[in-house]
Amino acid sequence: MSIHVANITDAPRQVIANASGTLREFAAVDQNAQGTGSLLAGLFQPVAANSTGDFFLMALLVDGPSKYGIFRDK
């Protein structure tokens, strides 16, 4: 599996492509950043992917106590 950044319409989004090439949204600008009380602001940066299927990305945050965060998705 791999992580790809894509611009879809006017809002940057992070999408994940699985081994068969199927894409799904991982994160998007103005989405709630789970567990932070903030919104995702952009500059999604893939950080890591491991062999068990966990993906990690860093994003800038707004409207909350933190300015950035690292998030995991499986």
Protein backbone atom coordinates (compact mmCIF):
# COMPACT_ATOMS: atom_id res chain seq x y z
CA MET A 1 0.00 0.00 0.00
CA SER A 2 1.12 3.55 -0.56
CA ILE A 3 0.22 7.09 0.46
CA HIS A 4 -0.43 9.76 -2.16
CA VAL A 5 -1.34 13.44 -1.85
CA ALA A 6 -4.00 14.64 -4.27
CA ASN A 7 -5.84 17.88 -4.89
CA ILE A 8 -9.52 17.12 -5.41
CA THR A 9 -11.74 20.10 -6.33
CA ASP A 10 -10.50 23.13 -4.36
CA ALA A 11 -9.65 21.41 -1.07
CA PRO A 12 -6.40 19.44 -0.66
CA ARG A 13 -7.04 15.89 0.47
CA GLN A 14 -4.88 12.98 1.49
CA VAL A 15 -5.85 9.73 -0.17
CA ILE A 16 -4.58 6.18 0.28
CA ALA A 17 -4.26 3.69 -2.56
CA ASN A 18 -4.47 0.02 -1.60
CA ALA A 19 -2.66 -2.78 -3.44
CA SER A 20 -5.47 -3.02 -6.03
CA GLY A 21 -5.29 0.73 -6.71
CA THR A 22 -8.56 1.65 -5.01
CA LEU A 23 -8.37 5.16 -3.51
CA ARG A 24 -10.06 6.33 -0.34
CA GLU A 25 -9.93 9.63 1.50
CA PHE A 26 -7.70 9.75 4.55
CA ALA A 27 -7.97 13.43 5.50
CA ALA A 28 -9.18 16.73 4.03
CA VAL A 29 -8.81 20.43 4.79
CA ASP A 30 -11.48 21.71 7.22
CA GLN A 31 -12.18 18.20 8.58
CA ASN A 32 -12.18 17.73 12.34
CA ALA A 33 -8.80 16.46 13.52
CA GLN A 34 -9.94 13.57 15.70
CA GLY A 35 -9.09 13.94 19.38
CA THR A 36 -7.71 17.50 19.11
CA GLY A 37 -10.60 19.98 19.04
CA SER A 38 -8.92 21.43 15.93
CA LEU A 39 -9.54 21.45 12.19
CA LEU A 40 -7.11 20.13 9.60
CA ALA A 41 -5.59 23.14 7.84
CA GLY A 42 -3.45 21.50 5.21
CA LEU A 43 0.11 20.66 4.25
CA PHE A 44 -0.51 16.96 4.69
CA GLN A 45 2.83 15.22 4.89
CA PRO A 46 3.08 11.42 4.84
CA VAL A 47 5.26 10.36 7.75
CA ALA A 48 5.28 6.56 7.65
CA ALA A 49 3.50 3.38 6.65
CA ASN A 50 4.23 0.05 8.26
CA SER A 51 3.81 -3.60 7.31
CA THR A 52 0.64 -4.00 9.41
CA GLY A 53 -1.24 -1.41 7.34
CA ASP A 54 -0.96 1.59 9.65
CA PHE A 55 -0.46 4.96 7.92
CA PHE A 56 0.75 8.11 9.63
CA LEU A 57 0.53 11.67 8.38
CA MET A 58 1.38 15.09 9.73
CA ALA A 59 -1.01 18.02 9.24
CA LEU A 60 -1.27 21.65 10.25
CA LEU A 61 -4.17 22.40 12.60
CA VAL A 62 -6.29 25.50 13.26
CA ASP A 63 -8.94 26.56 15.80
CA GLY A 64 -7.53 24.47 18.62
CA PRO A 65 -4.73 24.17 21.17
CA SER A 66 -2.17 22.57 18.81
CA LYS A 67 -0.58 23.86 15.62
CA TYR A 68 0.18 20.45 14.12
CA GLY A 69 -0.38 16.77 14.75
CA ILE A 70 0.49 13.30 13.55
CA PHE A 71 -2.46 11.06 12.81
CA ARG A 72 -2.81 7.32 12.26
CA ASP A 73 -5.20 5.46 10.02
CA LYS A 74 -5.52 1.78 9.23
